[in-house]
Amino acid sequence: MINISEKERVCNEYEELLKIIYIIGNKIILQNQFLEIARLFNLIKTDYEANKIIKELEESELIKKEQFLDTKYKVLILRKYSIRFLEKKEKSEDVAAVPKHSTERAVTSVIRAYNFIEHSKLLRKEPNFCLDFCISKVKCSGSTYLYKKNEGLEYLNFISKSNIYN
């Protein structure tokens, strides 16, 4: 078992990469899409570096890899400690783990990530292009695909304060 201080160090080092899985994939993402997004935002440069980082995240027990449906593709799933780190919670009991059988969630994640990749490619020429900028632009555009099921009130508040649909 890996110690907490090592997990904390790895979380701090790869926080932006963990945010990709957490926000864009809703805690689960296809490995290929994860790598494409990380390259898009220059968070990784080479395949060697990517494989090294994924292996370190796995060995630190921050993510796990599973087969996606009956394909050769793998999904990366956030483990409880990394969710706790990203949500800035004190105790492990304060966060929920990703359910063991999350097929529907994985399929939805593929669609979310695809949409985010295409949306981000359109924003690439922006001067302040970065992961947070693109997430913000997607949410401010009135699109719902980055919202989770339990964030309906947040979305309704956004609509009521904006003039997107007026």
N, C-alpha and C. Protein backbone atom coordinates (compact mmCIF):
# COMPACT_ATOMS: atom_id res chain seq x y z
N MET A 1 0.85 -1.19 0.00
CA MET A 1 0.00 0.00 0.00
C MET A 1 0.89 1.25 0.00
N ILE A 2 0.51 2.21 -0.79
CA ILE A 2 1.29 3.44 -0.93
C ILE A 2 0.89 4.43 0.18
N ASN A 3 1.86 5.21 0.66
CA ASN A 3 1.53 6.12 1.77
C ASN A 3 0.85 7.40 1.25
N ILE A 4 0.17 8.06 2.17
CA ILE A 4 -0.65 9.23 1.84
C ILE A 4 0.19 10.39 1.29
N SER A 5 1.38 10.59 1.86
CA SER A 5 2.21 11.71 1.40
C SER A 5 2.65 11.51 -0.05
N GLU A 6 2.89 10.27 -0.44
CA GLU A 6 3.26 9.99 -1.84
C GLU A 6 2.08 10.23 -2.77
N LYS A 7 0.89 9.81 -2.34
CA LYS A 7 -0.32 10.07 -3.13
C LYS A 7 -0.54 11.57 -3.30
N GLU A 8 -0.34 12.31 -2.22
CA GLU A 8 -0.52 13.76 -2.25
C GLU A 8 0.47 14.40 -3.23
N ARG A 9 1.72 13.95 -3.19
CA ARG A 9 2.75 14.50 -4.08
C ARG A 9 2.38 14.24 -5.54
N VAL A 10 1.95 13.02 -5.85
CA VAL A 10 1.60 12.68 -7.23
C VAL A 10 0.35 13.45 -7.67
N CYS A 11 -0.61 13.60 -6.79
CA CYS A 11 -1.81 14.39 -7.11
C CYS A 11 -1.44 15.84 -7.44
N ASN A 12 -0.58 16.42 -6.64
CA ASN A 12 -0.14 17.80 -6.89
C ASN A 12 0.61 17.92 -8.21
N GLU A 13 1.44 16.93 -8.50
CA GLU A 13 2.24 16.96 -9.72
C GLU A 13 1.38 16.82 -10.98
N TYR A 14 0.34 16.01 -10.91
CA TYR A 14 -0.48 15.72 -12.09
C TYR A 14 -1.93 16.20 -11.95
N GLU A 15 -2.12 17.27 -11.20
CA GLU A 15 -3.48 17.76 -10.95
C GLU A 15 -4.23 18.09 -12.24
N GLU A 16 -3.59 18.73 -13.19
CA GLU A 16 -4.25 19.08 -14.45
C GLU A 16 -4.71 17.82 -15.19
N LEU A 17 -3.90 16.79 -15.18
CA LEU A 17 -4.27 15.54 -15.85
C LEU A 17 -5.43 14.86 -15.13
N LEU A 18 -5.41 14.89 -13.81
CA LEU A 18 -6.51 14.31 -13.05
C LEU A 18 -7.81 15.08 -13.30
N LYS A 19 -7.69 16.40 -13.47
CA LYS A 19 -8.88 17.22 -13.77
C LYS A 19 -9.52 16.82 -15.10
N ILE A 20 -8.71 16.39 -16.05
CA ILE A 20 -9.26 15.93 -17.34
C ILE A 20 -10.20 14.76 -17.09
N ILE A 21 -9.76 13.81 -16.29
CA ILE A 21 -10.59 12.64 -16.02
C ILE A 21 -11.81 13.04 -15.19
N TYR A 22 -11.60 13.89 -14.20
CA TYR A 22 -12.67 14.27 -13.29
C TYR A 22 -13.75 15.12 -13.95
N ILE A 23 -13.35 16.17 -14.64
CA ILE A 23 -14.33 17.11 -15.18
C ILE A 23 -14.86 16.66 -16.54
N ILE A 24 -13.97 16.35 -17.45
CA ILE A 24 -14.39 16.04 -18.81
C ILE A 24 -15.03 14.66 -18.91
N GLY A 25 -14.44 13.70 -18.21
CA GLY A 25 -14.96 12.35 -18.29
C GLY A 25 -15.91 11.97 -17.18
N ASN A 26 -16.15 12.87 -16.23
CA ASN A 26 -16.97 12.55 -15.07
C ASN A 26 -16.40 11.35 -14.32
N LYS A 27 -15.09 11.40 -14.06
CA LYS A 27 -14.32 10.44 -13.28
C LYS A 27 -13.94 9.17 -14.03
N ILE A 28 -14.28 9.09 -15.31
CA ILE A 28 -13.92 7.93 -16.12
C ILE A 28 -13.75 8.39 -17.56
N ILE A 29 -12.66 7.96 -18.21
CA ILE A 29 -12.39 8.44 -19.57
C ILE A 29 -11.61 7.38 -20.35
N LEU A 30 -11.87 7.31 -21.64
CA LEU A 30 -11.08 6.43 -22.50
C LEU A 30 -9.62 6.89 -22.49
N GLN A 31 -8.71 5.95 -22.40
CA GLN A 31 -7.30 6.30 -22.35
C GLN A 31 -6.88 7.09 -23.59
N ASN A 32 -7.35 6.69 -24.76
CA ASN A 32 -7.00 7.40 -26.01
C ASN A 32 -7.47 8.85 -25.98
N GLN A 33 -8.69 9.08 -25.49
CA GLN A 33 -9.21 10.44 -25.42
C GLN A 33 -8.46 11.25 -24.36
N PHE A 34 -8.13 10.63 -23.26
CA PHE A 34 -7.34 11.29 -22.23
C PHE A 34 -6.01 11.78 -22.82
N LEU A 35 -5.34 10.93 -23.57
CA LEU A 35 -4.06 11.29 -24.17
C LEU A 35 -4.23 12.39 -25.21
N GLU A 36 -5.30 12.33 -25.99
CA GLU A 36 -5.54 13.36 -27.01
C GLU A 36 -5.76 14.72 -26.35
N ILE A 37 -6.53 14.75 -25.28
CA ILE A 37 -6.79 16.01 -24.58
C ILE A 37 -5.50 16.53 -23.93
N ALA A 38 -4.75 15.64 -23.31
CA ALA A 38 -3.48 16.04 -22.67
C ALA A 38 -2.51 16.60 -23.70
N ARG A 39 -2.47 16.02 -24.89
CA ARG A 39 -1.60 16.56 -25.96
C ARG A 39 -2.11 17.90 -26.46
N LEU A 40 -3.41 18.02 -26.59
CA LEU A 40 -4.02 19.25 -27.07
C LEU A 40 -3.63 20.45 -26.20
N PHE A 41 -3.53 20.21 -24.90
CA PHE A 41 -3.19 21.28 -23.96
C PHE A 41 -1.72 21.25 -23.54
N ASN A 42 -0.91 20.51 -24.28
CA ASN A 42 0.54 20.40 -24.03
C ASN A 42 0.88 19.96 -22.61
N LEU A 43 0.07 19.08 -22.05
CA LEU A 43 0.34 18.55 -20.72
C LEU A 43 1.26 17.33 -20.81
N ILE A 44 1.30 16.70 -21.98
CA ILE A 44 2.26 15.63 -22.26
C ILE A 44 2.82 15.88 -23.65
N LYS A 45 4.01 15.41 -23.86
CA LYS A 45 4.66 15.66 -25.16
C LYS A 45 4.83 14.38 -25.98
N THR A 46 5.21 13.28 -25.32
CA THR A 46 5.52 12.04 -26.05
C THR A 46 4.71 10.88 -25.50
N ASP A 47 4.63 9.82 -26.29
CA ASP A 47 3.95 8.60 -25.84
C ASP A 47 4.67 7.98 -24.65
N TYR A 48 6.00 8.05 -24.68
CA TYR A 48 6.79 7.53 -23.57
C TYR A 48 6.43 8.23 -22.26
N GLU A 49 6.37 9.56 -22.31
CA GLU A 49 6.02 10.35 -21.13
C GLU A 49 4.60 10.01 -20.66
N ALA A 50 3.68 9.86 -21.61
CA ALA A 50 2.29 9.54 -21.28
C ALA A 50 2.19 8.20 -20.57
N ASN A 51 2.86 7.19 -21.13
CA ASN A 51 2.82 5.86 -20.51
C ASN A 51 3.44 5.87 -19.12
N LYS A 52 4.51 6.64 -18.95
CA LYS A 52 5.18 6.75 -17.65
C LYS A 52 4.24 7.39 -16.62
N ILE A 53 3.54 8.45 -17.03
CA ILE A 53 2.63 9.16 -16.13
C ILE A 53 1.45 8.26 -15.75
N ILE A 54 0.86 7.59 -16.72
CA ILE A 54 -0.27 6.70 -16.44
C ILE A 54 0.16 5.58 -15.49
N LYS A 55 1.35 5.04 -15.72
CA LYS A 55 1.87 3.98 -14.85
C LYS A 55 2.07 4.51 -13.43
N GLU A 56 2.61 5.73 -13.29
CA GLU A 56 2.81 6.32 -11.97
C GLU A 56 1.48 6.58 -11.27
N LEU A 57 0.48 7.06 -12.01
CA LEU A 57 -0.84 7.28 -11.42
C LEU A 57 -1.47 5.97 -10.95
N GLU A 58 -1.25 4.91 -11.74
CA GLU A 58 -1.77 3.59 -11.37
C GLU A 58 -1.05 3.05 -10.14
N GLU A 59 0.28 3.13 -10.14
CA GLU A 59 1.07 2.61 -9.02
C GLU A 59 0.81 3.39 -7.73
N SER A 60 0.44 4.65 -7.86
CA SER A 60 0.12 5.48 -6.70
C SER A 60 -1.32 5.27 -6.24
N GLU A 61 -2.03 4.38 -6.90
CA GLU A 61 -3.42 4.05 -6.59
C GLU A 61 -4.35 5.26 -6.69
N LEU A 62 -4.09 6.09 -7.71
CA LEU A 62 -4.94 7.25 -7.96
C LEU A 62 -5.92 6.99 -9.09
N ILE A 63 -5.55 6.08 -9.99
CA ILE A 63 -6.44 5.66 -11.07
C ILE A 63 -6.36 4.14 -11.20
N LYS A 64 -7.34 3.60 -11.88
CA LYS A 64 -7.24 2.20 -12.28
C LYS A 64 -7.65 2.10 -13.75
N LYS A 65 -7.15 1.08 -14.41
CA LYS A 65 -7.46 0.86 -15.82
C LYS A 65 -8.37 -0.35 -15.92
N GLU A 66 -9.37 -0.23 -16.78
CA GLU A 66 -10.26 -1.36 -17.06
C GLU A 66 -10.55 -1.41 -18.55
N GLN A 67 -10.94 -2.57 -19.00
CA GLN A 67 -11.31 -2.74 -20.40
C GLN A 67 -12.64 -2.03 -20.65
N PHE A 68 -12.75 -1.38 -21.80
CA PHE A 68 -13.98 -0.68 -22.18
C PHE A 68 -14.85 -1.62 -22.99
N LEU A 69 -16.00 -1.98 -22.41
CA LEU A 69 -16.94 -2.92 -23.02
C LEU A 69 -16.20 -4.17 -23.48
N ASP A 70 -16.44 -4.62 -24.68
CA ASP A 70 -15.73 -5.79 -25.22
C ASP A 70 -14.76 -5.36 -26.31
N THR A 71 -14.04 -4.28 -26.06
CA THR A 71 -13.11 -3.75 -27.05
C THR A 71 -11.68 -3.89 -26.54
N LYS A 72 -10.75 -3.49 -27.36
CA LYS A 72 -9.34 -3.50 -26.95
C LYS A 72 -8.97 -2.21 -26.21
N TYR A 73 -9.89 -1.28 -26.12
CA TYR A 73 -9.62 0.01 -25.50
C TYR A 73 -9.72 -0.07 -23.98
N LYS A 74 -9.00 0.83 -23.31
CA LYS A 74 -8.99 0.90 -21.85
C LYS A 74 -9.60 2.22 -21.40
N VAL A 75 -10.26 2.17 -20.24
CA VAL A 75 -10.74 3.39 -19.60
C VAL A 75 -9.91 3.62 -18.35
N LEU A 76 -9.69 4.89 -18.05
CA LEU A 76 -9.02 5.29 -16.83
C LEU A 76 -10.10 5.74 -15.86
N ILE A 77 -10.07 5.20 -14.66
CA ILE A 77 -11.09 5.50 -13.66
C ILE A 77 -10.41 6.09 -12.43
N LEU A 78 -10.91 7.22 -11.98
CA LEU A 78 -10.36 7.83 -10.77
C LEU A 78 -10.70 6.98 -9.56
N ARG A 79 -9.73 6.85 -8.67
CA ARG A 79 -9.96 6.17 -7.41
C ARG A 79 -10.35 7.21 -6.36
N LYS A 80 -10.77 6.71 -5.23
CA LYS A 80 -11.35 7.56 -4.20
C LYS A 80 -10.40 8.67 -3.72
N TYR A 81 -9.13 8.38 -3.55
CA TYR A 81 -8.22 9.40 -3.03
C TYR A 81 -8.09 10.57 -4.00
N SER A 82 -7.99 10.29 -5.29
CA SER A 82 -7.85 11.38 -6.26
C SER A 82 -9.14 12.21 -6.35
N ILE A 83 -10.28 11.57 -6.21
CA ILE A 83 -11.56 12.30 -6.19
C ILE A 83 -11.58 13.22 -4.97
N ARG A 84 -11.17 12.68 -3.84
CA ARG A 84 -11.10 13.46 -2.59
C ARG A 84 -10.16 14.65 -2.74
N PHE A 85 -9.03 14.43 -3.38
CA PHE A 85 -8.06 15.51 -3.60
C PHE A 85 -8.66 16.61 -4.47
N LEU A 86 -9.29 16.24 -5.57
CA LEU A 86 -9.84 17.23 -6.50
C LEU A 86 -11.04 17.98 -5.91
N GLU A 87 -11.80 17.30 -5.08
CA GLU A 87 -12.96 17.94 -4.45
C GLU A 87 -12.58 18.67 -3.16
N LYS A 88 -11.30 18.56 -2.78
CA LYS A 88 -10.76 19.21 -1.58
C LYS A 88 -11.54 18.82 -0.32
N LYS A 89 -11.78 17.53 -0.19
CA LYS A 89 -12.48 16.99 0.98
C LYS A 89 -11.45 16.48 1.99
N GLU A 90 -11.81 16.53 3.25
CA GLU A 90 -10.91 16.11 4.32
C GLU A 90 -10.87 14.60 4.50
N LYS A 91 -12.03 13.95 4.44
CA LYS A 91 -12.10 12.52 4.73
C LYS A 91 -12.57 11.72 3.51
N SER A 92 -12.12 10.51 3.47
CA SER A 92 -12.48 9.60 2.38
C SER A 92 -13.99 9.32 2.36
N GLU A 93 -14.60 9.34 3.53
CA GLU A 93 -16.05 9.06 3.62
C GLU A 93 -16.89 10.17 2.99
N ASP A 94 -16.27 11.32 2.74
CA ASP A 94 -16.99 12.47 2.18
C ASP A 94 -17.17 12.41 0.67
N VAL A 95 -16.55 11.40 0.02
CA VAL A 95 -16.67 11.27 -1.43
C VAL A 95 -17.15 9.87 -1.79
N ALA A 96 -17.79 9.78 -2.92
CA ALA A 96 -18.26 8.49 -3.42
C ALA A 96 -17.29 7.97 -4.47
N ALA A 97 -17.05 6.69 -4.44
CA ALA A 97 -16.20 6.05 -5.44
C ALA A 97 -17.02 5.85 -6.71
N VAL A 98 -16.34 5.66 -7.82
CA VAL A 98 -17.01 5.35 -9.08
C VAL A 98 -17.58 3.94 -8.95
N PRO A 99 -18.86 3.74 -9.28
CA PRO A 99 -19.46 2.41 -9.16
C PRO A 99 -18.69 1.35 -9.96
N LYS A 100 -18.68 0.11 -9.44
CA LYS A 100 -17.92 -0.96 -10.10
C LYS A 100 -18.40 -1.23 -11.52
N HIS A 101 -19.68 -1.29 -11.71
CA HIS A 101 -20.23 -1.55 -13.05
C HIS A 101 -20.75 -0.24 -13.61
N SER A 102 -19.86 0.47 -14.29
CA SER A 102 -20.22 1.82 -14.76
C SER A 102 -20.20 1.90 -16.28
N THR A 103 -20.83 0.93 -16.93
CA THR A 103 -20.86 0.88 -18.39
C THR A 103 -21.54 2.11 -18.97
N GLU A 104 -22.71 2.45 -18.45
CA GLU A 104 -23.44 3.63 -18.96
C GLU A 104 -22.62 4.89 -18.77
N ARG A 105 -21.98 5.01 -17.62
CA ARG A 105 -21.15 6.17 -17.34
C ARG A 105 -19.97 6.24 -18.30
N ALA A 106 -19.36 5.10 -18.61
CA ALA A 106 -18.23 5.06 -19.54
C ALA A 106 -18.65 5.48 -20.94
N VAL A 107 -19.79 5.01 -21.39
CA VAL A 107 -20.29 5.37 -22.73
C VAL A 107 -20.58 6.86 -22.79
N THR A 108 -21.22 7.39 -21.76
CA THR A 108 -21.50 8.82 -21.69
C THR A 108 -20.21 9.62 -21.69
N SER A 109 -19.21 9.11 -20.98
CA SER A 109 -17.92 9.77 -20.91
C SER A 109 -17.26 9.88 -22.29
N VAL A 110 -17.38 8.84 -23.09
CA VAL A 110 -16.81 8.86 -24.44
C VAL A 110 -17.41 10.01 -25.25
N ILE A 111 -18.71 10.17 -25.15
CA ILE A 111 -19.41 11.24 -25.88
C ILE A 111 -19.00 12.61 -25.34
N ARG A 112 -18.94 12.75 -24.02
CA ARG A 112 -18.53 14.01 -23.39
C ARG A 112 -17.13 14.42 -23.86
N ALA A 113 -16.20 13.45 -23.80
CA ALA A 113 -14.81 13.74 -24.17
C ALA A 113 -14.71 14.09 -25.65
N TYR A 114 -15.44 13.38 -26.50
CA TYR A 114 -15.42 13.68 -27.94
C TYR A 114 -15.89 15.11 -28.18
N ASN A 115 -17.00 15.48 -27.57
CA ASN A 115 -17.53 16.83 -27.73
C ASN A 115 -16.54 17.87 -27.23
N PHE A 116 -15.91 17.59 -26.10
CA PHE A 116 -14.94 18.54 -25.53
C PHE A 116 -13.73 18.71 -26.45
N ILE A 117 -13.25 17.62 -27.00
CA ILE A 117 -12.10 17.68 -27.92
C ILE A 117 -12.44 18.55 -29.12
N GLU A 118 -13.59 18.32 -29.73
CA GLU A 118 -14.00 19.09 -30.91
C GLU A 118 -14.20 20.56 -30.55
N HIS A 119 -14.82 20.83 -29.42
CA HIS A 119 -15.04 22.21 -28.98
C HIS A 119 -13.71 22.91 -28.73
N SER A 120 -12.77 22.20 -28.08
CA SER A 120 -11.47 22.79 -27.76
C SER A 120 -10.64 23.08 -29.00
N LYS A 121 -10.76 22.25 -30.01
CA LYS A 121 -10.03 22.48 -31.26
C LYS A 121 -10.45 23.80 -31.90
N LEU A 122 -11.72 24.15 -31.73
CA LEU A 122 -12.21 25.41 -32.27
C LEU A 122 -11.66 26.62 -31.50
N LEU A 123 -11.29 26.40 -30.26
CA LEU A 123 -10.79 27.49 -29.40
C LEU A 123 -9.27 27.59 -29.38
N ARG A 124 -8.60 26.73 -30.11
CA ARG A 124 -7.13 26.63 -30.06
C ARG A 124 -6.43 27.95 -30.36
N LYS A 125 -7.00 28.80 -31.20
CA LYS A 125 -6.36 30.05 -31.60
C LYS A 125 -6.51 31.16 -30.55
N GLU A 126 -7.33 30.93 -29.53
CA GLU A 126 -7.53 31.95 -28.49
C GLU A 126 -6.22 32.21 -27.74
N PRO A 127 -5.96 33.47 -27.37
CA PRO A 127 -4.70 33.79 -26.70
C PRO A 127 -4.52 33.13 -25.33
N ASN A 128 -5.60 32.93 -24.58
CA ASN A 128 -5.48 32.32 -23.26
C ASN A 128 -5.98 30.87 -23.26
N PHE A 129 -5.66 30.16 -24.33
CA PHE A 129 -6.06 28.76 -24.50
C PHE A 129 -5.40 27.88 -23.44
N CYS A 130 -6.22 27.27 -22.60
CA CYS A 130 -5.76 26.30 -21.61
C CYS A 130 -6.97 25.46 -21.21
N LEU A 131 -6.74 24.45 -20.41
CA LEU A 131 -7.81 23.54 -20.01
C LEU A 131 -8.94 24.28 -19.30
N ASP A 132 -8.62 25.08 -18.30
CA ASP A 132 -9.66 25.80 -17.56
C ASP A 132 -10.44 26.78 -18.45
N PHE A 133 -9.75 27.43 -19.37
CA PHE A 133 -10.39 28.35 -20.30
C PHE A 133 -11.43 27.61 -21.15
N CYS A 134 -11.06 26.45 -21.68
CA CYS A 134 -11.97 25.68 -22.53
C CYS A 134 -13.16 25.14 -21.74
N ILE A 135 -12.92 24.68 -20.53
CA ILE A 135 -14.02 24.20 -19.68
C ILE A 135 -14.99 25.35 -19.42
N SER A 136 -14.45 26.50 -19.10
CA SER A 136 -15.26 27.68 -18.84
C SER A 136 -16.06 28.08 -20.09
N LYS A 137 -15.42 28.08 -21.24
CA LYS A 137 -16.10 28.46 -22.49
C LYS A 137 -17.24 27.50 -22.82
N VAL A 138 -17.01 26.21 -22.61
CA VAL A 138 -18.06 25.21 -22.88
C VAL A 138 -19.25 25.47 -21.98
N LYS A 139 -19.00 25.66 -20.69
CA LYS A 139 -20.10 25.87 -19.75
C LYS A 139 -20.81 27.20 -20.02
N CYS A 140 -20.05 28.23 -20.38
CA CYS A 140 -20.65 29.55 -20.64
C CYS A 140 -21.40 29.60 -21.97
N SER A 141 -21.16 28.64 -22.84
CA SER A 141 -21.85 28.62 -24.12
C SER A 141 -23.29 28.11 -23.99
N GLY A 142 -23.63 27.61 -22.80
CA GLY A 142 -24.97 27.09 -22.58
C GLY A 142 -25.07 25.61 -22.84
N SER A 143 -23.97 24.98 -23.21
CA SER A 143 -23.97 23.54 -23.44
C SER A 143 -24.08 22.79 -22.12
N THR A 144 -24.73 21.67 -22.12
CA THR A 144 -24.94 20.91 -20.88
C THR A 144 -24.05 19.69 -20.75
N TYR A 145 -23.26 19.35 -21.75
CA TYR A 145 -22.57 18.06 -21.71
C TYR A 145 -21.50 17.93 -20.63
N LEU A 146 -20.97 19.03 -20.09
CA LEU A 146 -20.00 18.91 -19.00
C LEU A 146 -20.65 18.91 -17.62
N TYR A 147 -21.95 19.16 -17.57
CA TYR A 147 -22.65 19.11 -16.30
C TYR A 147 -22.97 17.67 -15.93
N LYS A 148 -22.88 17.37 -14.65
CA LYS A 148 -23.25 16.04 -14.16
C LYS A 148 -24.75 16.03 -13.88
N LYS A 149 -25.31 14.85 -13.71
CA LYS A 149 -26.74 14.73 -13.48
C LYS A 149 -27.21 15.53 -12.27
N ASN A 150 -26.39 15.58 -11.22
CA ASN A 150 -26.80 16.28 -10.00
C ASN A 150 -26.48 17.77 -10.02
N GLU A 151 -26.09 18.31 -11.16
CA GLU A 151 -25.78 19.73 -11.26
C GLU A 151 -26.86 20.51 -12.02
N GLY A 152 -28.07 19.99 -12.02
CA GLY A 152 -29.17 20.64 -12.71
C GLY A 152 -29.47 22.03 -12.17
N LEU A 153 -29.42 22.18 -10.85
CA LEU A 153 -29.69 23.49 -10.24
C LEU A 153 -28.62 24.50 -10.63
N GLU A 154 -27.37 24.06 -10.67
CA GLU A 154 -26.29 24.96 -11.08
C GLU A 154 -26.54 25.45 -12.50
N TYR A 155 -26.97 24.55 -13.39
CA TYR A 155 -27.24 24.92 -14.77
C TYR A 155 -28.43 25.88 -14.86
N LEU A 156 -29.49 25.60 -14.09
CA LEU A 156 -30.66 26.49 -14.11
C LEU A 156 -30.30 27.89 -13.59
N ASN A 157 -29.46 27.95 -12.58
CA ASN A 157 -28.99 29.26 -12.08
C ASN A 157 -28.20 29.99 -13.16
N PHE A 158 -27.37 29.25 -13.89
CA PHE A 158 -26.60 29.85 -14.97
C PHE A 158 -27.53 30.44 -16.03
N ILE A 159 -28.54 29.67 -16.43
CA ILE A 159 -29.48 30.12 -17.45
C ILE A 159 -30.23 31.36 -16.98
N SER A 160 -30.68 31.35 -15.72
CA SER A 160 -31.46 32.48 -15.23
C SER A 160 -30.65 33.77 -15.15
N LYS A 161 -29.33 33.65 -14.98
CA LYS A 161 -28.47 34.84 -14.88
C LYS A 161 -27.90 35.29 -16.23
N SER A 162 -28.01 34.44 -17.23
CA SER A 162 -27.43 34.79 -18.53
C SER A 162 -28.54 35.20 -19.49
N ASN A 163 -28.11 35.70 -20.62
CA ASN A 163 -29.09 36.09 -21.65
C ASN A 163 -28.91 35.23 -22.90
N ILE A 164 -28.39 34.03 -22.71
CA ILE A 164 -28.16 33.13 -23.84
C ILE A 164 -29.46 32.79 -24.56
N TYR A 165 -30.50 32.49 -23.78
CA TYR A 165 -31.74 32.03 -24.40
C TYR A 165 -32.78 33.12 -24.51
N ASN A 166 -32.45 34.34 -24.25
CA ASN A 166 -33.40 35.45 -24.36
C ASN A 166 -33.37 36.04 -25.77
